[in-house]
C-alpha atoms as a PDB file:
ATOM      1  CA  MET A   1      22.643 -11.391  -5.543  1.00  0.00           C
ATOM      2  CA  GLU A   2      19.060 -11.274  -4.234  1.00  0.00           C
ATOM      3  CA  ASN A   3      17.725  -8.421  -5.774  1.00  0.00           C
ATOM      4  CA  LYS A   4      14.614  -6.184  -4.655  1.00  0.00           C
ATOM      5  CA  PHE A   5      11.859  -4.952  -7.091  1.00  0.00           C
ATOM      6  CA  ILE A   6       9.203  -2.843  -6.508  1.00  0.00           C
ATOM      7  CA  LEU A   7       5.644  -3.066  -8.698  1.00  0.00           C
ATOM      8  CA  THR A   8       2.699  -0.903  -8.429  1.00  0.00           C
ATOM      9  CA  ALA A   9       0.280  -1.900 -10.549  1.00  0.00           C
ATOM     10  CA  PHE A  10      -3.482   0.039 -11.131  1.00  0.00           C
ATOM     11  CA  GLY A  11      -6.725  -0.062 -13.325  1.00  0.00           C
ATOM     12  CA  LYS A  12     -10.034  -0.931 -13.509  1.00  0.00           C
ATOM     13  CA  ASP A  13     -10.889  -2.796 -10.475  1.00  0.00           C
ATOM     14  CA  ARG A  14     -12.173  -6.966 -11.127  1.00  0.00           C
ATOM     15  CA  PRO A  15     -11.830  -9.640  -9.325  1.00  0.00           C
ATOM     16  CA  GLY A  16      -8.711 -11.619 -10.974  1.00  0.00           C
ATOM     17  CA  ILE A  17      -6.178  -9.035 -10.701  1.00  0.00           C
ATOM     18  CA  VAL A  18      -4.305 -10.006  -7.324  1.00  0.00           C
ATOM     19  CA  SER A  19      -3.786 -13.450  -9.146  1.00  0.00           C
ATOM     20  CA  GLU A  20      -2.964 -12.201 -12.178  1.00  0.00           C
ATOM     21  CA  ILE A  21      -0.162 -10.386 -10.674  1.00  0.00           C
ATOM     22  CA  ALA A  22       0.750 -12.980  -8.314  1.00  0.00           C
ATOM     23  CA  GLU A  23       1.846 -15.380 -10.733  1.00  0.00           C
ATOM     24  CA  ILE A  24       3.911 -13.643 -12.290  1.00  0.00           C
ATOM     25  CA  ILE A  25       5.776 -13.219  -8.809  1.00  0.00           C
ATOM     26  CA  PHE A  26       5.970 -17.355  -8.988  1.00  0.00           C
ATOM     27  CA  GLU A  27       6.400 -17.499 -12.292  1.00  0.00           C
ATOM     28  CA  ASN A  28      10.206 -15.428 -12.171  1.00  0.00           C
ATOM     29  CA  LYS A  29      10.455 -16.854  -7.770  1.00  0.00           C
ATOM     30  CA  CYS A  30      10.441 -14.113  -6.442  1.00  0.00           C
ATOM     31  CA  ASN A  31       9.294 -13.535  -2.950  1.00  0.00           C
ATOM     32  CA  LEU A  32       6.670 -11.091  -1.420  1.00  0.00           C
ATOM     33  CA  GLU A  33       8.258  -9.549   0.983  1.00  0.00           C
ATOM     34  CA  ASP A  34       5.203  -5.901   1.294  1.00  0.00           C
ATOM     35  CA  SER A  35       2.390  -5.011  -0.169  1.00  0.00           C
ATOM     36  CA  ASN A  36      -0.361  -2.778   0.340  1.00  0.00           C
ATOM     37  CA  MET A  37      -3.373  -2.373  -1.753  1.00  0.00           C
ATOM     38  CA  GLY A  38      -6.621  -0.059  -1.688  1.00  0.00           C
ATOM     39  CA  ARG A  39      -8.752   1.557  -4.189  1.00  0.00           C
ATOM     40  CA  LEU A  40      -8.169   5.204  -5.190  1.00  0.00           C
ATOM     41  CA  ALA A  41     -12.148   6.164  -6.318  1.00  0.00           C
ATOM     42  CA  ASP A  42     -13.058   3.729  -8.912  1.00  0.00           C
ATOM     43  CA  GLU A  43      -9.231   2.636  -9.319  1.00  0.00           C
ATOM     44  CA  PHE A  44      -7.523  -0.681  -8.117  1.00  0.00           C
ATOM     45  CA  THR A  45      -4.339  -0.206  -6.963  1.00  0.00           C
ATOM     46  CA  LEU A  46      -1.304  -1.532  -5.464  1.00  0.00           C
ATOM     47  CA  ILE A  47       2.489  -1.630  -4.199  1.00  0.00           C
ATOM     48  CA  LEU A  48       5.230  -4.360  -3.856  1.00  0.00           C
ATOM     49  CA  LEU A  49       8.015  -5.446  -2.612  1.00  0.00           C
ATOM     50  CA  LEU A  50       9.402  -8.355  -3.934  1.00  0.00           C
ATOM     51  CA  THR A  51      13.084 -10.100  -3.662  1.00  0.00           C
ATOM     52  CA  GLY A  52      14.167 -12.658  -6.056  1.00  0.00           C
ATOM     53  CA  LYS A  53      17.462 -14.221  -8.137  1.00  0.00           C
ATOM     54  CA  GLY A  54      18.448 -14.933 -11.125  1.00  0.00           C
ATOM     55  CA  ASP A  55      20.508 -13.595 -14.072  1.00  0.00           C
ATOM     56  CA  ASN A  56      18.006 -10.689 -16.273  1.00  0.00           C
ATOM     57  CA  LEU A  57      14.845 -11.400 -13.459  1.00  0.00           C
ATOM     58  CA  GLN A  58      14.475  -6.995 -13.995  1.00  0.00           C
ATOM     59  CA  GLU A  59      14.191  -8.277 -17.158  1.00  0.00           C
ATOM     60  CA  LYS A  60      11.672 -11.187 -16.863  1.00  0.00           C
ATOM     61  CA  LEU A  61       9.290  -9.218 -14.667  1.00  0.00           C
ATOM     62  CA  SER A  62       9.664  -5.744 -16.881  1.00  0.00           C
ATOM     63  CA  ARG A  63       8.506  -8.457 -19.796  1.00  0.00           C
ATOM     64  CA  ASP A  64       5.293 -10.660 -17.233  1.00  0.00           C
ATOM     65  CA  CYS A  65       4.406  -6.840 -17.004  1.00  0.00           C
ATOM     66  CA  LYS A  66       4.528  -5.870 -20.316  1.00  0.00           C
ATOM     67  CA  ARG A  67       2.163  -8.491 -21.289  1.00  0.00           C
ATOM     68  CA  LEU A  68       0.102  -8.651 -18.930  1.00  0.00           C
ATOM     69  CA  GLU A  69      -0.180  -4.660 -18.803  1.00  0.00           C
ATOM     70  CA  ARG A  70      -1.350  -5.356 -22.918  1.00  0.00           C
ATOM     71  CA  GLU A  71      -4.129  -7.990 -21.907  1.00  0.00           C
ATOM     72  CA  LYS A  72      -5.315  -6.415 -18.490  1.00  0.00           C
ATOM     73  CA  ILE A  73      -4.472  -3.542 -16.637  1.00  0.00           C
ATOM     74  CA  SER A  74      -1.850  -0.843 -16.298  1.00  0.00           C
ATOM     75  CA  LEU A  75       1.549  -2.020 -14.419  1.00  0.00           C
ATOM     76  CA  CYS A  76       4.609  -0.076 -13.763  1.00  0.00           C
ATOM     77  CA  LEU A  77       8.247  -2.155 -12.814  1.00  0.00           C
ATOM     78  CA  SER A  78      11.173  -0.407 -10.166  1.00  0.00           C
ATOM     79  CA  VAL A  79      13.652  -1.471  -9.391  1.00  0.00           C
ATOM     80  CA  HIS A  80      14.555  -0.521  -5.216  1.00  0.00           C
END
């Protein structure tokens, strides 16, 4: 069964944010269904709708997002 996820991210605007998040999506074999990106003040913001299959996919995405959050930016992942 295919699951839907909404991933939101925000952080200081800098080159590479979208690439780093896209890598997480690719590594977990998810599809990017829709996106909205912009800037609020000095912050880069995005909302992504993802779909994917697999056991423990939500946990895998959350783990990868937490790793990226520790290293680079603030992330939040929720199931839609």
